[in-house]
Protein backbone atom coordinates (compact mmCIF):
# COMPACT_ATOMS: atom_id res chain seq x y z
CA MET A 1 2.98 -8.76 27.54
CA PRO A 2 4.16 -11.32 24.94
CA GLU A 3 7.46 -10.54 23.19
CA ASP A 4 5.85 -10.12 19.78
CA GLY A 5 3.23 -7.86 21.37
CA LYS A 6 5.76 -5.18 22.27
CA ARG A 7 6.29 -3.54 18.93
CA ASP A 8 7.73 -0.17 19.74
CA SER A 9 5.87 2.23 17.53
CA LEU A 10 5.33 5.90 18.30
CA LEU A 11 2.24 5.92 16.12
CA SER A 12 0.23 7.67 18.80
CA VAL A 13 2.36 10.80 19.13
CA ASP A 14 0.54 14.10 18.39
CA ASP A 15 1.38 15.68 15.08
CA ASP A 16 1.09 19.30 16.14
CA LYS A 17 3.51 22.15 15.68
CA GLU A 18 4.64 22.29 19.29
CA ALA A 19 5.52 18.59 19.38
CA SER A 20 7.43 18.74 16.12
CA MET A 21 9.57 21.62 17.34
CA HIS A 22 10.13 19.81 20.61
CA LEU A 23 11.14 16.49 19.07
CA ASP A 24 13.02 17.71 16.02
CA PRO A 25 15.45 20.49 16.99
CA SER A 26 16.94 20.66 13.49
CA GLY A 27 13.56 21.45 11.94
CA LYS A 28 14.61 19.77 8.71
CA LEU A 29 15.21 16.38 7.19
CA THR A 30 18.69 14.90 7.41
CA THR A 31 20.50 12.98 4.70
CA VAL A 32 20.60 9.86 6.89
CA CYS A 33 16.83 9.98 7.41
CA ILE A 34 16.14 10.44 3.71
CA ILE A 35 18.51 7.60 2.74
CA SER A 36 16.92 5.31 5.34
CA VAL A 37 13.41 6.06 4.08
CA LEU A 38 14.43 5.56 0.44
CA ALA A 39 16.16 2.27 1.30
CA ALA A 40 12.97 1.03 2.95
CA CYS A 41 10.86 2.20 0.03
CA LEU A 42 12.84 -0.02 -2.34
CA SER A 43 10.90 -2.88 -0.73
CA SER A 44 7.66 -1.12 -1.64
CA PHE A 45 9.08 -0.60 -5.12
CA GLN A 46 9.49 -4.36 -5.48
CA PHE A 47 5.91 -4.87 -4.32
CA GLY A 48 4.51 -2.41 -6.86
CA PHE A 49 6.68 -3.64 -9.72
CA ASN A 50 5.64 -7.27 -9.30
CA LEU A 51 2.01 -6.27 -8.89
CA THR A 52 1.75 -5.05 -12.48
CA VAL A 53 4.80 -6.44 -14.33
CA ILE A 54 2.83 -9.23 -16.01
CA ASN A 55 -0.03 -6.94 -17.03
CA THR A 56 1.27 -5.67 -20.38
CA PRO A 57 3.12 -8.85 -21.52
CA GLN A 58 0.11 -11.01 -20.65
CA VAL A 59 -0.46 -12.12 -24.23
CA ASN A 60 3.21 -13.06 -24.73
CA ILE A 61 3.25 -15.11 -21.52
CA GLU A 62 0.01 -16.86 -22.47
CA ARG A 63 1.46 -17.81 -25.85
CA CYS A 64 4.67 -19.19 -24.31
CA PHE A 65 2.79 -21.32 -21.76
CA LYS A 66 -0.11 -22.09 -24.12
CA ILE A 67 -2.64 -20.65 -21.66
CA SER A 68 -6.21 -20.40 -22.92
CA GLY A 69 -9.27 -19.08 -21.15
CA THR A 70 -9.41 -16.80 -18.12
CA ALA A 71 -9.21 -19.28 -15.24
CA THR A 72 -5.48 -20.05 -15.42
CA TRP A 73 -4.50 -16.43 -15.89
CA SER A 74 -6.65 -15.42 -12.92
CA VAL A 75 -4.65 -17.89 -10.82
CA VAL A 76 -1.36 -16.47 -12.16
CA VAL A 77 -2.43 -12.99 -11.09
CA ALA A 78 -4.05 -13.91 -7.79
CA ILE A 79 -1.32 -16.26 -6.49
CA TYR A 80 0.92 -13.22 -6.01
CA ILE A 81 -1.74 -11.74 -3.73
CA ALA A 82 -1.99 -15.02 -1.82
CA GLY A 83 1.76 -14.94 -1.22
CA GLY A 84 1.44 -11.36 -0.02
CA LEU A 85 -1.21 -12.36 2.50
CA VAL A 86 1.08 -15.03 3.95
CA GLY A 87 4.14 -12.75 3.91
CA SER A 88 2.37 -9.90 5.70
CA THR A 89 1.31 -12.32 8.44
CA LEU A 90 4.82 -13.68 9.04
CA ALA A 91 6.69 -10.37 8.77
CA GLY A 92 5.61 -8.90 12.12
CA PRO A 93 7.26 -11.46 14.42
CA ALA A 94 10.45 -11.40 12.31
CA ALA A 95 10.68 -7.60 12.44
CA ASP A 96 10.13 -7.63 16.20
CA LYS A 97 12.71 -10.30 16.89
CA PHE A 98 15.49 -9.38 14.47
CA GLY A 99 14.89 -5.67 13.83
CA ARG A 100 13.55 -3.75 10.86
CA ILE A 101 16.75 -3.67 8.81
CA ARG A 102 17.47 -7.37 9.27
CA ALA A 103 13.87 -8.16 8.39
CA PHE A 104 14.34 -6.34 5.07
CA ILE A 105 17.47 -8.41 4.44
CA MET A 106 15.76 -11.66 5.40
CA VAL A 107 12.95 -11.30 2.85
CA THR A 108 15.25 -10.35 -0.05
CA PRO A 109 16.16 -13.99 -0.93
CA PHE A 110 12.46 -14.72 -1.47
CA MET A 111 12.29 -11.89 -3.99
CA VAL A 112 15.43 -13.12 -5.78
CA ILE A 113 14.40 -16.81 -5.86
CA GLY A 114 10.84 -16.01 -6.96
CA SER A 115 12.04 -13.71 -9.74
CA LEU A 116 14.50 -16.31 -11.05
CA LEU A 117 11.83 -19.01 -10.97
CA GLN A 118 9.62 -16.85 -13.17
CA ALA A 119 12.39 -15.77 -15.52
CA PHE A 120 13.58 -19.36 -16.20
CA SER A 121 10.21 -21.12 -15.94
CA GLN A 122 9.41 -23.67 -18.63
CA HIS A 123 5.91 -24.44 -17.39
CA VAL A 124 3.12 -22.30 -16.01
CA VAL A 125 3.24 -24.18 -12.68
CA MET A 126 6.84 -23.08 -12.12
CA PHE A 127 5.84 -19.55 -13.04
CA ILE A 128 3.00 -19.64 -10.51
CA ILE A 129 5.36 -20.87 -7.77
CA GLY A 130 7.68 -17.97 -8.57
CA ARG A 131 4.79 -15.52 -8.36
CA PHE A 132 3.83 -16.86 -4.94
CA THR A 133 7.43 -16.59 -3.71
CA VAL A 134 7.87 -12.95 -4.71
CA GLY A 135 4.46 -12.35 -3.13
CA LEU A 136 5.87 -13.50 0.21
CA ALA A 137 8.53 -10.77 0.06
CA ALA A 138 6.06 -8.16 -1.15
CA GLY A 139 3.64 -8.96 1.67
CA ALA A 140 6.39 -8.53 4.24
CA ALA A 141 7.22 -5.13 2.73
CA THR A 142 3.67 -3.83 3.14
CA LEU A 143 3.93 -4.38 6.90
CA ILE A 144 7.56 -3.46 7.63
CA VAL A 145 7.95 -0.36 5.43
CA PRO A 146 5.18 1.86 6.91
CA MET A 147 6.13 0.74 10.43
CA TYR A 148 9.82 1.56 9.94
CA ILE A 149 9.14 4.96 8.33
CA ALA A 150 6.76 5.94 11.13
CA GLU A 151 9.43 5.08 13.70
CA ILE A 152 12.33 7.03 12.19
CA ALA A 153 10.62 10.06 10.61
CA PRO A 154 10.47 13.44 12.40
CA ILE A 155 6.88 14.03 13.44
CA LYS A 156 6.19 17.03 11.22
CA PHE A 157 7.40 15.08 8.17
CA ARG A 158 5.73 11.79 9.09
CA GLY A 159 2.79 12.20 6.74
CA ALA A 160 4.92 13.23 3.76
CA LEU A 161 7.55 10.53 4.35
CA GLY A 162 4.80 7.99 4.91
CA SER A 163 3.44 8.90 1.47
CA CYS A 164 6.83 7.94 0.00
CA ASN A 165 5.65 4.36 0.48
CA GLN A 166 2.82 4.86 -2.02
CA MET A 167 5.05 6.99 -4.25
CA SER A 168 7.61 4.20 -4.60
CA ILE A 169 4.82 1.80 -5.55
CA THR A 170 3.56 4.11 -8.30
CA VAL A 171 7.08 4.71 -9.65
CA ALA A 172 7.52 0.94 -9.86
CA LEU A 173 4.21 0.59 -11.70
CA LEU A 174 5.35 3.17 -14.23
CA LEU A 175 8.74 1.51 -14.74
CA ALA A 176 7.09 -1.87 -15.36
CA LEU A 177 4.90 -0.26 -18.00
CA LEU A 178 7.84 1.53 -19.65
CA LEU A 179 9.86 -1.68 -19.82
CA ALA A 180 7.01 -3.15 -21.80
CA PHE A 181 7.81 -0.82 -24.71
CA LYS A 182 11.17 -2.57 -25.05
CA PHE A 183 10.35 -6.15 -24.15
CA VAL A 184 6.72 -6.74 -25.21
CA ASP A 185 6.12 -7.72 -28.83
CA ALA A 186 2.87 -6.70 -30.49
CA ASP A 187 2.78 -9.94 -32.49
CA SER A 188 0.40 -12.05 -30.43
CA THR A 189 0.71 -15.15 -32.60
CA LYS A 190 4.19 -16.18 -31.42
CA CYS A 191 6.00 -16.80 -28.13
CA HIS A 192 8.16 -13.71 -27.59
CA GLU A 193 10.21 -14.07 -24.41
CA GLY A 194 11.17 -10.48 -23.62
CA TRP A 195 8.92 -10.76 -20.57
CA ARG A 196 11.54 -13.00 -18.93
CA PHE A 197 13.82 -10.00 -18.39
CA MET A 198 10.90 -8.02 -16.98
CA VAL A 199 10.01 -10.62 -14.33
CA GLY A 200 13.70 -11.12 -13.58
CA PHE A 201 14.39 -7.39 -13.14
CA PRO A 202 13.67 -7.49 -9.36
CA VAL A 203 16.89 -9.52 -8.97
CA ILE A 204 18.84 -6.40 -9.98
CA MET A 205 16.74 -4.20 -7.70
CA SER A 206 17.32 -6.63 -4.82
CA GLY A 207 21.05 -6.02 -5.17
CA VAL A 208 20.47 -2.26 -5.12
CA HIS A 209 18.23 -2.69 -2.08
CA LEU A 210 20.84 -4.64 -0.13
CA VAL A 211 23.50 -2.03 -0.87
CA SER A 212 21.19 0.81 0.20
CA LEU A 213 20.43 -0.95 3.50
CA MET A 214 24.14 -0.64 4.37
CA PHE A 215 23.56 3.12 4.73
CA ALA A 216 20.23 2.90 6.58
CA VAL A 217 20.02 2.98 10.38
CA GLU A 218 18.05 0.68 12.60
CA SER A 219 14.93 2.06 14.24
CA PRO A 220 15.82 3.71 17.58
CA LEU A 221 12.46 2.61 18.91
CA TRP A 222 13.17 -1.03 18.19
CA LEU A 223 16.64 -0.74 19.77
CA LEU A 224 15.12 0.86 22.85
CA SER A 225 12.57 -1.94 23.16
CA LYS A 226 15.46 -4.42 23.25
CA GLY A 227 17.24 -2.55 26.03
CA ARG A 228 19.88 -1.01 23.75
CA ALA A 229 19.34 2.59 24.81
CA GLU A 230 22.89 3.74 24.04
CA ARG A 231 22.73 2.50 20.45
CA ALA A 232 19.22 3.95 20.10
CA GLU A 233 20.52 7.39 21.06
CA ILE A 234 23.41 7.14 18.57
CA ASN A 235 21.00 6.27 15.75
CA LEU A 236 18.62 9.05 16.76
CA ARG A 237 21.45 11.59 16.56
CA LYS A 238 22.22 10.39 13.03
CA LEU A 239 18.58 10.66 12.01
CA ARG A 240 18.08 14.14 13.50
CA GLY A 241 21.47 15.60 12.68
CA VAL A 242 21.96 17.06 16.17
CA GLN A 243 23.87 15.95 19.25
CA ASP A 244 21.25 16.76 21.86
CA VAL A 245 18.36 14.35 21.46
CA SER A 246 17.72 13.94 25.18
CA GLU A 247 14.17 15.28 25.03
CA GLU A 248 13.14 12.93 22.25
CA MET A 249 14.83 10.04 24.03
CA LYS A 250 12.74 10.82 27.12
CA GLU A 251 9.60 10.79 24.99
CA MET A 252 10.59 7.46 23.46
CA GLU A 253 11.42 5.91 26.84
CA GLN A 254 8.08 7.11 28.23
CA ALA A 255 6.27 5.63 25.24
CA GLN A 256 8.11 2.34 25.69
CA ARG A 257 7.17 2.22 29.39
CA GLU A 258 3.55 2.73 28.40
CA VAL A 259 3.83 -0.13 25.90
CA ASP A 260 5.40 -2.38 28.53
CA SER A 261 2.81 -1.53 31.19
CA ALA A 262 -0.22 -1.56 28.89
CA PRO A 263 -2.67 -4.46 29.18
CA SER A 264 -2.00 -7.35 26.86
CA VAL A 265 -4.27 -6.99 23.83
CA LYS A 266 -5.76 -10.22 22.55
CA TYR A 267 -7.62 -10.83 19.36
CA LYS A 268 -10.96 -10.95 21.14
CA ASP A 269 -10.38 -7.42 22.46
CA LEU A 270 -10.41 -6.17 18.87
CA MET A 271 -13.85 -7.56 18.15
CA SER A 272 -15.99 -5.29 20.33
CA GLY A 273 -16.15 -1.96 22.13
CA ASN A 274 -14.03 1.00 21.11
CA LEU A 275 -11.17 -1.10 19.80
CA GLY A 276 -13.65 -3.01 17.68
CA ARG A 277 -14.84 0.25 16.16
CA ALA A 278 -11.27 1.28 15.43
CA MET A 279 -10.56 -2.03 13.71
CA LEU A 280 -13.79 -1.74 11.74
CA ALA A 281 -12.74 1.71 10.55
CA GLY A 282 -9.37 0.28 9.48
CA VAL A 283 -11.06 -2.57 7.61
CA LEU A 284 -13.25 -0.01 5.83
CA PHE A 285 -10.17 1.80 4.48
CA MET A 286 -8.56 -1.49 3.43
CA PHE A 287 -11.78 -2.42 1.63
CA ALA A 288 -11.95 1.02 0.01
CA GLN A 289 -8.40 0.71 -1.29
CA GLN A 290 -8.78 -2.72 -2.90
CA TRP A 291 -12.46 -2.64 -3.98
CA SER A 292 -12.47 0.89 -5.32
CA GLY A 293 -11.78 -0.59 -8.76
CA ILE A 294 -8.03 0.01 -8.79
CA GLY A 295 -7.33 -3.72 -9.13
CA PHE A 296 -8.85 -4.00 -12.57
CA VAL A 297 -7.09 -0.80 -13.69
CA LEU A 298 -3.68 -2.18 -12.67
CA GLN A 299 -4.16 -5.79 -13.70
CA PHE A 300 -6.43 -5.58 -16.72
CA SER A 301 -6.15 -2.03 -18.09
CA THR A 302 -4.22 -3.14 -21.19
CA SER A 303 -6.98 -5.52 -22.29
CA ILE A 304 -9.56 -2.76 -21.74
CA PHE A 305 -7.55 -0.31 -23.83
CA GLN A 306 -7.17 -2.93 -26.56
CA LYS A 307 -10.94 -3.21 -26.84
CA VAL A 308 -11.43 0.56 -26.95
CA LEU A 309 -8.37 1.98 -28.74
CA CYS A 310 -7.42 -0.77 -31.18
CA ASN A 311 -9.40 -1.35 -34.34
CA PRO A 312 -9.49 -4.27 -34.67
CA PRO A 313 -8.81 -4.95 -30.95
CA THR A 314 -5.37 -6.47 -31.52
CA GLU A 315 -3.52 -7.88 -28.52
CA GLY A 316 -0.36 -5.89 -27.86
CA CYS A 317 -1.23 -2.92 -30.11
CA GLN A 318 0.81 0.24 -29.54
CA ALA A 319 -2.12 2.50 -28.61
CA ALA A 320 -3.03 0.21 -25.71
CA LEU A 321 0.58 0.16 -24.48
CA ASP A 322 0.76 3.96 -24.64
CA ALA A 323 -2.44 4.37 -22.65
CA THR A 324 -1.34 1.86 -20.02
CA ALA A 325 1.96 3.71 -19.56
CA GLY A 326 -0.05 6.91 -19.22
CA ILE A 327 -1.88 5.36 -16.28
CA GLY A 328 1.45 4.85 -14.52
CA ALA A 329 2.51 8.44 -15.19
CA VAL A 330 -0.75 9.78 -13.77
CA ASN A 331 -0.24 7.68 -10.64
CA VAL A 332 3.23 9.15 -10.05
CA VAL A 333 2.20 12.78 -10.59
CA PHE A 334 -0.81 12.66 -8.31
CA SER A 335 0.98 10.65 -5.65
CA LEU A 336 3.34 13.64 -5.44
CA PHE A 337 0.24 15.78 -5.14
CA ALA A 338 -0.92 13.63 -2.22
CA MET A 339 2.44 14.01 -0.46
CA ALA A 340 2.00 17.78 -0.54
CA LEU A 341 -1.62 17.80 0.60
CA ILE A 342 -2.07 14.96 3.05
CA GLU A 343 -0.85 16.89 6.11
CA ARG A 344 -2.46 20.15 5.04
CA ALA A 345 -5.91 19.14 3.88
CA GLY A 346 -6.25 16.12 6.16
CA ARG A 347 -7.12 12.48 5.55
CA ARG A 348 -10.91 12.80 5.79
CA ILE A 349 -11.49 15.51 3.17
CA LEU A 350 -9.12 13.85 0.68
CA MET A 351 -10.92 10.53 1.18
CA LEU A 352 -14.33 12.13 0.66
CA VAL A 353 -13.26 13.96 -2.50
CA GLY A 354 -11.51 10.82 -3.76
CA CYS A 355 -14.51 8.55 -3.24
CA LEU A 356 -16.82 11.04 -4.90
CA GLY A 357 -14.50 11.39 -7.88
CA MET A 358 -13.90 7.65 -8.24
CA SER A 359 -17.62 6.91 -8.05
CA ALA A 360 -18.45 9.57 -10.67
CA SER A 361 -15.70 8.45 -13.06
CA LEU A 362 -16.71 4.79 -12.81
CA LEU A 363 -20.36 5.72 -13.34
CA THR A 364 -19.33 7.57 -16.49
CA LEU A 365 -17.19 4.63 -17.57
CA GLY A 366 -20.08 2.22 -17.10
CA VAL A 367 -22.45 4.34 -19.18
CA ALA A 368 -19.88 4.88 -21.95
CA ALA A 369 -18.89 1.21 -22.02
CA ASN A 370 -22.51 0.11 -22.33
CA VAL A 371 -23.26 2.57 -25.12
CA HIS A 372 -20.06 1.79 -27.08
CA GLU A 373 -21.62 2.93 -30.34
CA SER A 374 -19.21 5.66 -31.35
CA SER A 375 -15.61 6.78 -31.06
CA THR A 376 -16.83 9.43 -28.60
CA SER A 377 -17.99 6.85 -26.08
CA ASP A 378 -14.75 4.93 -26.56
CA TYR A 379 -12.62 7.93 -25.68
CA ILE A 380 -14.92 8.80 -22.76
CA SER A 381 -14.21 5.31 -21.43
CA VAL A 382 -10.46 5.86 -21.62
CA ALA A 383 -10.71 9.34 -20.07
CA SER A 384 -12.81 7.93 -17.22
CA ILE A 385 -10.10 5.42 -16.38
CA PHE A 386 -7.52 8.21 -16.19
CA VAL A 387 -9.79 10.40 -14.04
CA PHE A 388 -10.45 7.48 -11.74
CA ASN A 389 -6.71 6.98 -11.32
CA ILE A 390 -6.21 10.64 -10.42
CA PHE A 391 -8.73 10.50 -7.59
CA PHE A 392 -7.40 7.17 -6.30
CA ALA A 393 -3.80 8.44 -6.23
CA PHE A 394 -4.48 11.11 -3.61
CA SER A 395 -7.14 9.35 -1.55
CA ALA A 396 -7.61 5.61 -1.04
CA GLY A 397 -4.10 4.83 -2.32
CA PRO A 398 -1.92 6.56 0.30
CA ILE A 399 -4.52 6.97 3.06
CA GLY A 400 -5.18 3.24 3.23
CA TRP A 401 -1.59 2.70 4.44
CA LEU A 402 -1.46 5.75 6.74
CA ILE A 403 -4.71 5.13 8.58
CA CYS A 404 -3.34 2.21 10.62
CA GLY A 405 -1.03 4.53 12.55
CA ASP A 406 -3.79 7.09 13.03
CA ILE A 407 -6.28 4.77 14.71
CA LEU A 408 -4.17 2.16 16.54
CA PRO A 409 -2.47 3.03 19.86
CA SER A 410 1.12 1.82 20.13
CA TYR A 411 0.26 -1.13 22.37
CA VAL A 412 -2.60 -2.22 20.07
CA ALA A 413 -0.61 -1.94 16.83
CA PRO A 414 1.36 -5.21 17.26
CA VAL A 415 -1.88 -7.20 17.13
CA GLY A 416 -4.06 -4.88 15.09
CA MET A 417 -1.73 -3.79 12.30
CA PRO A 418 -0.96 -7.29 10.94
CA ILE A 419 -4.70 -7.97 10.90
CA LEU A 420 -5.41 -4.81 8.87
CA ILE A 421 -2.53 -5.38 6.45
CA GLY A 422 -3.60 -9.02 6.05
CA THR A 423 -7.16 -7.86 5.46
CA ASN A 424 -5.88 -5.54 2.74
CA TRP A 425 -4.21 -8.47 0.97
CA ALA A 426 -7.32 -10.62 1.45
CA PHE A 427 -9.53 -7.98 -0.19
CA ASN A 428 -6.96 -7.66 -2.96
CA PHE A 429 -6.98 -11.42 -3.52
CA ILE A 430 -10.77 -11.61 -3.67
CA ALA A 431 -10.99 -8.65 -6.05
CA THR A 432 -8.30 -10.06 -8.33
CA ILE A 433 -9.59 -13.61 -8.52
CA THR A 434 -13.21 -12.57 -9.08
CA PHE A 435 -12.88 -9.69 -11.55
CA LEU A 436 -12.54 -11.74 -14.75
CA PRO A 437 -15.44 -14.07 -13.85
CA LEU A 438 -17.52 -11.02 -12.89
CA GLU A 439 -16.59 -9.27 -16.13
CA SER A 440 -17.49 -12.39 -18.08
CA ALA A 441 -20.87 -12.67 -16.35
CA LEU A 442 -21.82 -9.00 -16.09
CA LYS A 443 -19.93 -7.59 -19.09
CA ASN A 444 -19.74 -3.80 -18.86
CA ASN A 445 -22.16 -3.78 -15.93
CA VAL A 446 -19.27 -4.81 -13.68
CA PHE A 447 -18.43 -1.12 -13.29
CA TRP A 448 -21.61 -0.59 -11.30
CA ILE A 449 -20.18 -2.74 -8.51
CA PHE A 450 -17.18 -0.46 -8.04
CA THR A 451 -19.35 2.63 -8.40
CA ALA A 452 -21.55 1.40 -5.55
CA VAL A 453 -18.52 0.54 -3.39
CA ASN A 454 -17.10 4.06 -3.65
CA ALA A 455 -20.48 5.62 -2.98
CA PHE A 456 -20.89 3.41 0.10
CA VAL A 457 -17.43 4.34 1.44
CA PHE A 458 -18.18 8.04 0.87
CA VAL A 459 -21.34 7.82 2.97
CA VAL A 460 -19.67 5.92 5.82
CA VAL A 461 -16.65 8.24 5.94
CA TYR A 462 -18.91 11.31 5.86
CA LEU A 463 -21.13 10.06 8.67
CA ARG A 464 -18.79 8.07 10.92
CA ILE A 465 -15.07 8.72 10.32
CA PRO A 466 -13.56 11.81 11.98
CA GLU A 467 -10.44 13.63 10.84
CA THR A 468 -7.37 11.81 12.24
CA ARG A 469 -4.61 14.30 11.40
CA GLY A 470 -2.75 15.58 14.46
CA LYS A 471 -4.72 13.49 16.94
CA GLN A 472 -3.77 10.77 19.37
CA PRO A 473 -5.23 7.39 18.33
CA GLU A 474 -7.01 7.25 21.69
CA ALA A 475 -8.85 10.49 20.85
CA VAL A 476 -9.79 9.19 17.40
CA ILE A 477 -11.11 5.99 18.92
CA GLN A 478 -13.36 7.96 21.27
CA GLU A 479 -14.70 10.04 18.38
CA LEU A 480 -15.58 6.85 16.49
CA GLN A 481 -18.31 6.19 19.09
CA TYR A 482 -20.48 8.95 17.63
CA PRO A 483 -21.49 10.23 14.21
CA VAL A 484 -19.20 13.03 13.02
CA VAL A 485 -21.98 15.62 13.29
CA CYS A 486 -22.74 14.61 16.89
CA GLN A 487 -19.28 14.70 18.47
CA PRO A 488 -19.40 15.51 22.21
CA ALA A 489 -16.73 17.52 23.95
CA ARG A 490 -13.55 15.49 24.41
CA SER A 491 -13.02 13.83 27.74
CA SER A 492 -9.65 13.37 29.34
CA GLY A 493 -9.85 9.59 29.54
CA SER A 494 -9.49 7.12 26.77
CA ALA A 495 -11.75 4.27 27.87
CA LEU A 496 -10.52 2.09 25.06
CA TYR A 497 -12.30 -1.03 26.22
CA SER A 498 -15.69 0.52 26.97
CA ASP A 499 -18.78 -0.01 24.90
């Protein structure tokens, strides 16, 4: 098997009570494990912060660079996504060769350089280059962070700790919005440069991230894959807080032997048969996350609130800033809600409820936006955006990142996971670059597109996607062969390559 095809991920371990007691003698989280997860999540924080940091100060940035029309600003927004697509593609080989912690360190200079380019830019082209550069680091984070957390977390806490990834993103979104109260000027007629501190803020966070990585431990699974079993055992003891980790080491060694002896998975193997179905299910969740409508809420919510809440619709008015910050607060609160529910309720039911709620809220938003004849319809529009955010925060938001580990066996993940993460960024890029032209062409009817997307995802998940919680990926892949209501009794084999 090729070197970069041996990513040592225990993503296929059962998440049942017996296994968790067997693999985690302490039965609780250790300080080292929590610190390591939080250190990793600072990368996700950077991703989320840069995703929305230019949203609120958009008008100030446009005045400083003399940007007019929607085309240039669409490029400014979308180039970050393009950088993320490239970064997520390159991150896998680096993490496999150098380790997870070193990979985090390696991408930090891109975040620092990109942030400084934006903060000191004198022309929009320099600003765009900076956005692309920070996108490279952000893209790498979206691949490395969930992989690292899955490898170091105790099994019974894997879902909750995995949700910390999404939580850190939402906290970053909120902070970016709160900073706008200090550094965004409501006077849209002049070039106010408070936004330069906002886009330069990730430089400070990069320093905090590097310091935190000094206290994080390397993934025992990665160390084991490189033949460093003794060091892997030392790190595992730190993560579990007990001296006797022999049973878990045996499990890890067995998993690594399976990875080493498994057939080499090529890209063509992921295009058909059972693996093809698994990849298609993963693509569906990536599509659901980025085309649910969340992109326009994050990137363009301030302009929407200006139209609805400001009379006249003044750029940078306080009511719009307050509402946008409220969106960030809602994201944080209901991401915490998702952390508590995701291992109890299961992925499937949360996704179904989320899609139904997002579709209904966007349908309401579309009707209210088209009526737009009274203050009542205006406030219904704003309320619909908040309701939409609530449903997204506990469904497509966190589940989109978790589903990769639920459906990809450990020896498929090295090839399949970068494809799914890259697909996520590609959908994000398409949604971002096309929303303003679609809004210009369709006006308020653009909401029908996102309503239809969520309705479509609801139907497919209801008919074809089984519950993945507590199951081996091989078992999930077999269940994907049949509609949910027609599941046969489980067989003992996996038959991953069969049709």
